[in-house]
């Protein structure tokens, strides 16, 4: 029996591939781990700041959380994990979710082109 060549194998693979009907979440989605959310909570607690407030400029995130394991601290800002401000979404009239634009109105939302 003759082995299929590379183009036949590729065609076979494509015909058996399952297409996901849902969009692939952005890589940022993987940052929302329990550990990172806990670190954000500690960061806000230790600085006495609330969500969407700037952190004190005199200390870095690493300085504030210096007692945590170094490998647990991300090299990006934990405040990027905070929920979006609803007042900004309403004021802007639209928001993005998985690269889809959605218009905000009083009766609900409708998809808008990007």
N, C-alpha and C. Protein backbone atom coordinates (compact mmCIF):
# COMPACT_ATOMS: atom_id res chain seq x y z
N UNK A 1 0.84 -1.18 0.00
CA UNK A 1 0.00 0.00 0.00
C UNK A 1 0.89 1.24 0.00
N UNK A 2 0.56 2.18 -0.87
CA UNK A 2 1.37 3.38 -1.03
C UNK A 2 0.97 4.42 0.02
N UNK A 3 1.98 5.08 0.62
CA UNK A 3 1.75 6.12 1.62
C UNK A 3 1.26 7.40 0.92
N UNK A 4 0.31 8.13 1.54
CA UNK A 4 -0.14 9.39 0.94
C UNK A 4 0.98 10.42 0.97
N UNK A 5 1.04 11.25 -0.08
CA UNK A 5 2.06 12.29 -0.09
C UNK A 5 1.62 13.46 0.81
N UNK A 6 2.49 14.45 0.93
CA UNK A 6 2.27 15.55 1.87
C UNK A 6 1.01 16.36 1.54
N UNK A 7 0.72 16.61 0.26
CA UNK A 7 -0.46 17.39 -0.11
C UNK A 7 -1.74 16.61 0.20
N UNK A 8 -1.71 15.30 0.02
CA UNK A 8 -2.87 14.48 0.36
C UNK A 8 -3.11 14.48 1.87
N UNK A 9 -2.03 14.44 2.64
CA UNK A 9 -2.15 14.47 4.11
C UNK A 9 -2.74 15.81 4.57
N UNK A 10 -2.29 16.90 3.94
CA UNK A 10 -2.80 18.23 4.29
C UNK A 10 -4.29 18.33 3.98
N UNK A 11 -4.70 17.81 2.83
CA UNK A 11 -6.12 17.84 2.45
C UNK A 11 -6.94 17.00 3.42
N UNK A 12 -6.42 15.86 3.81
CA UNK A 12 -7.12 15.00 4.76
C UNK A 12 -7.27 15.70 6.11
N UNK A 13 -6.20 16.35 6.55
CA UNK A 13 -6.22 17.07 7.82
C UNK A 13 -7.26 18.18 7.80
N UNK A 14 -7.31 18.95 6.70
CA UNK A 14 -8.27 20.04 6.59
C UNK A 14 -9.70 19.53 6.60
N UNK A 15 -9.94 18.41 5.97
CA UNK A 15 -11.31 17.90 5.90
C UNK A 15 -11.79 17.35 7.24
N UNK A 16 -10.89 16.96 8.13
CA UNK A 16 -11.28 16.41 9.42
C UNK A 16 -11.15 17.43 10.55
N UNK A 17 -10.66 18.62 10.24
CA UNK A 17 -10.47 19.64 11.27
C UNK A 17 -11.82 20.17 11.75
N UNK A 18 -11.99 20.27 13.06
CA UNK A 18 -13.21 20.81 13.66
C UNK A 18 -13.05 22.32 13.77
N UNK A 19 -14.02 23.02 13.27
CA UNK A 19 -13.98 24.48 13.33
C UNK A 19 -14.73 24.94 14.58
N UNK A 20 -14.06 25.74 15.40
CA UNK A 20 -14.66 26.26 16.62
C UNK A 20 -15.59 27.41 16.25
N UNK A 21 -16.87 27.34 16.64
CA UNK A 21 -17.80 28.42 16.30
C UNK A 21 -17.61 29.67 17.16
N UNK A 22 -16.81 29.58 18.20
CA UNK A 22 -16.60 30.71 19.09
C UNK A 22 -15.25 31.35 18.82
N UNK A 23 -15.14 32.67 19.00
CA UNK A 23 -13.84 33.32 18.79
C UNK A 23 -12.84 32.89 19.85
N UNK A 24 -11.59 32.86 19.48
CA UNK A 24 -10.52 32.52 20.42
C UNK A 24 -10.33 33.72 21.35
N UNK A 25 -10.34 33.50 22.66
CA UNK A 25 -10.13 34.63 23.58
C UNK A 25 -8.74 35.24 23.38
N UNK A 26 -8.61 36.53 23.63
CA UNK A 26 -7.29 37.15 23.52
C UNK A 26 -6.33 36.57 24.57
N UNK A 27 -5.04 36.67 24.31
CA UNK A 27 -4.04 36.14 25.25
C UNK A 27 -4.17 36.78 26.62
N UNK A 28 -4.65 38.00 26.66
CA UNK A 28 -4.81 38.72 27.94
C UNK A 28 -5.72 37.96 28.90
N UNK A 29 -6.64 37.20 28.35
CA UNK A 29 -7.59 36.42 29.16
C UNK A 29 -6.86 35.49 30.14
N UNK A 30 -5.72 34.95 29.73
CA UNK A 30 -4.96 34.02 30.57
C UNK A 30 -4.31 34.70 31.77
N UNK A 31 -4.28 36.02 31.80
CA UNK A 31 -3.67 36.75 32.92
C UNK A 31 -4.58 36.78 34.15
N UNK A 32 -5.86 36.50 33.97
CA UNK A 32 -6.83 36.58 35.05
C UNK A 32 -6.83 35.30 35.89
N UNK A 33 -5.71 35.04 36.54
CA UNK A 33 -5.59 33.87 37.41
C UNK A 33 -5.97 34.27 38.83
N UNK A 34 -6.27 33.28 39.64
CA UNK A 34 -6.60 33.54 41.04
C UNK A 34 -5.44 34.24 41.73
N UNK A 35 -4.22 33.79 41.45
CA UNK A 35 -3.02 34.39 42.07
C UNK A 35 -2.88 35.86 41.69
N UNK A 36 -3.06 36.19 40.40
CA UNK A 36 -2.92 37.58 39.97
C UNK A 36 -4.01 38.47 40.55
N UNK A 37 -5.22 37.95 40.67
CA UNK A 37 -6.31 38.72 41.27
C UNK A 37 -6.02 38.97 42.75
N UNK A 38 -5.47 37.97 43.43
CA UNK A 38 -5.08 38.14 44.84
C UNK A 38 -3.98 39.19 44.98
N UNK A 39 -3.00 39.15 44.07
CA UNK A 39 -1.92 40.15 44.11
C UNK A 39 -2.46 41.55 43.88
N UNK A 40 -3.42 41.70 42.96
CA UNK A 40 -4.04 43.00 42.73
C UNK A 40 -4.74 43.49 43.98
N UNK A 41 -5.45 42.60 44.65
CA UNK A 41 -6.14 42.95 45.89
C UNK A 41 -5.15 43.41 46.96
N UNK A 42 -4.05 42.69 47.10
CA UNK A 42 -3.01 43.07 48.07
C UNK A 42 -2.40 44.42 47.70
N UNK A 43 -2.17 44.64 46.42
CA UNK A 43 -1.59 45.90 45.95
C UNK A 43 -2.49 47.07 46.32
N UNK A 44 -3.78 46.93 46.07
CA UNK A 44 -4.73 48.01 46.39
C UNK A 44 -4.83 48.21 47.90
N UNK A 45 -4.85 47.12 48.64
CA UNK A 45 -4.96 47.20 50.10
C UNK A 45 -3.74 47.90 50.70
N UNK A 46 -2.56 47.53 50.25
CA UNK A 46 -1.33 48.08 50.82
C UNK A 46 -1.11 49.55 50.44
N UNK A 47 -1.64 49.98 49.30
CA UNK A 47 -1.46 51.37 48.90
C UNK A 47 -2.63 52.24 49.33
N UNK A 48 -3.71 51.60 49.83
CA UNK A 48 -4.88 52.37 50.25
C UNK A 48 -5.60 53.03 49.07
N UNK A 49 -5.43 52.48 47.89
CA UNK A 49 -6.09 53.04 46.71
C UNK A 49 -7.26 52.17 46.29
N UNK A 50 -8.16 52.77 45.56
CA UNK A 50 -9.33 52.06 45.05
C UNK A 50 -9.13 51.76 43.57
N UNK A 51 -10.03 50.94 43.03
CA UNK A 51 -9.96 50.60 41.61
C UNK A 51 -9.94 51.87 40.76
N UNK A 52 -9.13 51.87 39.74
CA UNK A 52 -8.97 52.95 38.76
C UNK A 52 -8.23 54.17 39.30
N UNK A 53 -7.74 54.11 40.53
CA UNK A 53 -6.88 55.18 41.04
C UNK A 53 -5.44 54.83 40.72
N UNK A 54 -4.64 55.85 40.46
CA UNK A 54 -3.22 55.62 40.20
C UNK A 54 -2.53 55.14 41.46
N UNK A 55 -1.51 54.33 41.27
CA UNK A 55 -0.69 53.90 42.40
C UNK A 55 0.25 55.03 42.79
N UNK A 56 0.67 55.06 44.06
CA UNK A 56 1.64 56.10 44.47
C UNK A 56 2.90 56.01 43.60
N UNK A 57 3.37 57.13 43.06
CA UNK A 57 4.51 57.10 42.13
C UNK A 57 5.86 56.80 42.80
N UNK A 58 5.93 56.96 44.11
CA UNK A 58 7.22 56.78 44.79
C UNK A 58 7.65 55.32 44.92
N UNK A 59 6.72 54.38 44.75
CA UNK A 59 7.07 52.96 44.88
C UNK A 59 6.54 52.18 43.69
N UNK A 60 7.31 51.20 43.28
CA UNK A 60 6.87 50.34 42.18
C UNK A 60 5.99 49.23 42.72
N UNK A 61 5.33 48.57 41.83
CA UNK A 61 4.50 47.42 42.19
C UNK A 61 5.35 46.36 42.89
N UNK A 62 6.56 46.13 42.40
CA UNK A 62 7.46 45.14 43.00
C UNK A 62 7.87 45.56 44.41
N UNK A 63 8.08 46.86 44.64
CA UNK A 63 8.43 47.35 45.98
C UNK A 63 7.27 47.13 46.96
N UNK A 64 6.07 47.43 46.51
CA UNK A 64 4.89 47.31 47.36
C UNK A 64 4.63 45.85 47.74
N UNK A 65 4.87 44.96 46.80
CA UNK A 65 4.63 43.52 47.02
C UNK A 65 5.94 42.76 47.22
N UNK A 66 6.92 43.42 47.84
CA UNK A 66 8.26 42.84 47.98
C UNK A 66 8.31 41.55 48.79
N UNK A 67 7.34 41.32 49.66
CA UNK A 67 7.35 40.10 50.46
C UNK A 67 6.80 38.88 49.70
N UNK A 68 6.28 39.08 48.51
CA UNK A 68 5.77 37.98 47.69
C UNK A 68 6.94 37.31 46.96
N UNK A 69 6.73 36.08 46.58
CA UNK A 69 7.75 35.35 45.82
C UNK A 69 8.02 36.09 44.51
N UNK A 70 9.26 36.26 44.16
CA UNK A 70 9.62 36.99 42.95
C UNK A 70 9.00 36.37 41.69
N UNK A 71 8.93 35.04 41.65
CA UNK A 71 8.37 34.40 40.46
C UNK A 71 6.86 34.60 40.36
N UNK A 72 6.21 35.00 41.46
CA UNK A 72 4.77 35.24 41.44
C UNK A 72 4.41 36.63 40.92
N UNK A 73 5.36 37.55 40.95
CA UNK A 73 5.09 38.92 40.53
C UNK A 73 5.24 39.06 39.01
N UNK A 74 4.19 39.52 38.34
CA UNK A 74 4.29 39.71 36.89
C UNK A 74 5.13 40.95 36.57
N UNK A 75 5.65 41.01 35.35
CA UNK A 75 6.42 42.18 34.93
C UNK A 75 5.53 43.24 34.27
N UNK A 76 4.23 43.02 34.27
CA UNK A 76 3.25 43.97 33.74
C UNK A 76 2.42 44.49 34.92
N UNK A 77 1.72 45.58 34.72
CA UNK A 77 0.96 46.21 35.79
C UNK A 77 -0.30 45.42 36.13
N UNK A 78 -0.45 45.08 37.40
CA UNK A 78 -1.62 44.34 37.87
C UNK A 78 -2.92 45.13 37.71
N UNK A 79 -2.83 46.45 37.68
CA UNK A 79 -4.06 47.24 37.58
C UNK A 79 -4.75 47.07 36.23
N UNK A 80 -4.07 46.48 35.27
CA UNK A 80 -4.72 46.20 33.98
C UNK A 80 -5.79 45.12 34.11
N UNK A 81 -5.83 44.43 35.26
CA UNK A 81 -6.83 43.39 35.50
C UNK A 81 -8.15 43.95 36.03
N UNK A 82 -8.19 45.23 36.33
CA UNK A 82 -9.40 45.81 36.90
C UNK A 82 -10.51 45.87 35.85
N UNK A 83 -11.74 45.77 36.34
CA UNK A 83 -12.90 45.85 35.47
C UNK A 83 -12.94 47.22 34.79
N UNK A 84 -13.48 47.29 33.59
CA UNK A 84 -13.59 48.60 32.94
C UNK A 84 -14.57 49.49 33.70
N UNK A 85 -14.36 50.77 33.59
CA UNK A 85 -15.27 51.72 34.25
C UNK A 85 -16.54 51.85 33.43
N UNK A 86 -17.65 51.51 34.03
CA UNK A 86 -18.93 51.54 33.34
C UNK A 86 -19.27 52.95 32.83
N UNK A 87 -18.92 53.97 33.62
CA UNK A 87 -19.24 55.33 33.19
C UNK A 87 -18.50 55.70 31.91
N UNK A 88 -17.27 55.17 31.72
CA UNK A 88 -16.53 55.42 30.48
C UNK A 88 -17.16 54.69 29.30
N UNK A 89 -17.66 53.48 29.55
CA UNK A 89 -18.31 52.72 28.49
C UNK A 89 -19.58 53.45 28.03
N UNK A 90 -20.38 53.90 28.99
CA UNK A 90 -21.62 54.61 28.66
C UNK A 90 -21.30 55.92 27.95
N UNK A 91 -20.31 56.64 28.47
CA UNK A 91 -19.93 57.92 27.85
C UNK A 91 -19.43 57.71 26.43
N UNK A 92 -18.64 56.67 26.21
CA UNK A 92 -18.11 56.39 24.88
C UNK A 92 -19.16 55.84 23.92
N UNK A 93 -20.21 55.24 24.46
CA UNK A 93 -21.29 54.74 23.64
C UNK A 93 -21.05 53.39 22.99
N UNK A 94 -19.88 52.80 23.23
CA UNK A 94 -19.56 51.48 22.64
C UNK A 94 -18.41 50.86 23.40
N UNK A 95 -18.23 49.57 23.22
CA UNK A 95 -17.11 48.86 23.83
C UNK A 95 -16.71 47.68 22.95
N UNK A 96 -15.53 47.14 23.20
CA UNK A 96 -15.03 45.99 22.46
C UNK A 96 -15.05 44.75 23.34
N UNK A 97 -15.42 43.63 22.77
CA UNK A 97 -15.38 42.34 23.46
C UNK A 97 -14.91 41.32 22.44
N UNK A 98 -13.72 40.74 22.67
CA UNK A 98 -13.13 39.79 21.73
C UNK A 98 -13.09 40.37 20.32
N UNK A 99 -12.67 41.60 20.22
CA UNK A 99 -12.50 42.32 18.95
C UNK A 99 -13.81 42.62 18.23
N UNK A 100 -14.93 42.41 18.86
CA UNK A 100 -16.22 42.79 18.29
C UNK A 100 -16.68 44.08 18.96
N UNK A 101 -17.12 45.04 18.16
CA UNK A 101 -17.62 46.29 18.70
C UNK A 101 -19.09 46.18 19.06
N UNK A 102 -19.47 46.73 20.21
CA UNK A 102 -20.86 46.71 20.66
C UNK A 102 -21.28 48.12 21.05
N UNK A 103 -22.41 48.54 20.52
CA UNK A 103 -22.95 49.86 20.82
C UNK A 103 -23.84 49.77 22.06
N UNK A 104 -23.72 50.74 22.93
CA UNK A 104 -24.50 50.75 24.17
C UNK A 104 -25.69 51.68 23.98
N UNK A 105 -26.86 51.18 24.38
CA UNK A 105 -28.05 52.03 24.34
C UNK A 105 -28.93 51.67 25.55
N UNK A 106 -29.98 52.39 25.79
CA UNK A 106 -30.82 52.17 26.97
C UNK A 106 -31.54 50.82 26.93
N UNK A 107 -31.88 50.33 25.76
CA UNK A 107 -32.67 49.11 25.66
C UNK A 107 -31.83 47.86 25.45
N UNK A 108 -30.54 47.98 25.39
CA UNK A 108 -29.68 46.83 25.16
C UNK A 108 -28.49 47.21 24.31
N UNK A 109 -27.83 46.21 23.79
CA UNK A 109 -26.64 46.45 22.99
C UNK A 109 -26.82 45.85 21.61
N UNK A 110 -26.20 46.43 20.64
CA UNK A 110 -26.20 45.87 19.30
C UNK A 110 -24.77 45.92 18.76
N UNK A 111 -24.44 44.97 17.91
CA UNK A 111 -23.10 44.89 17.37
C UNK A 111 -22.89 45.99 16.34
N UNK A 112 -21.72 46.60 16.39
CA UNK A 112 -21.38 47.64 15.43
C UNK A 112 -20.08 47.24 14.73
N UNK A 113 -19.90 47.64 13.48
CA UNK A 113 -18.66 47.29 12.79
C UNK A 113 -17.47 48.03 13.38
N UNK A 114 -16.30 47.42 13.32
CA UNK A 114 -15.08 48.05 13.84
C UNK A 114 -14.51 49.01 12.83
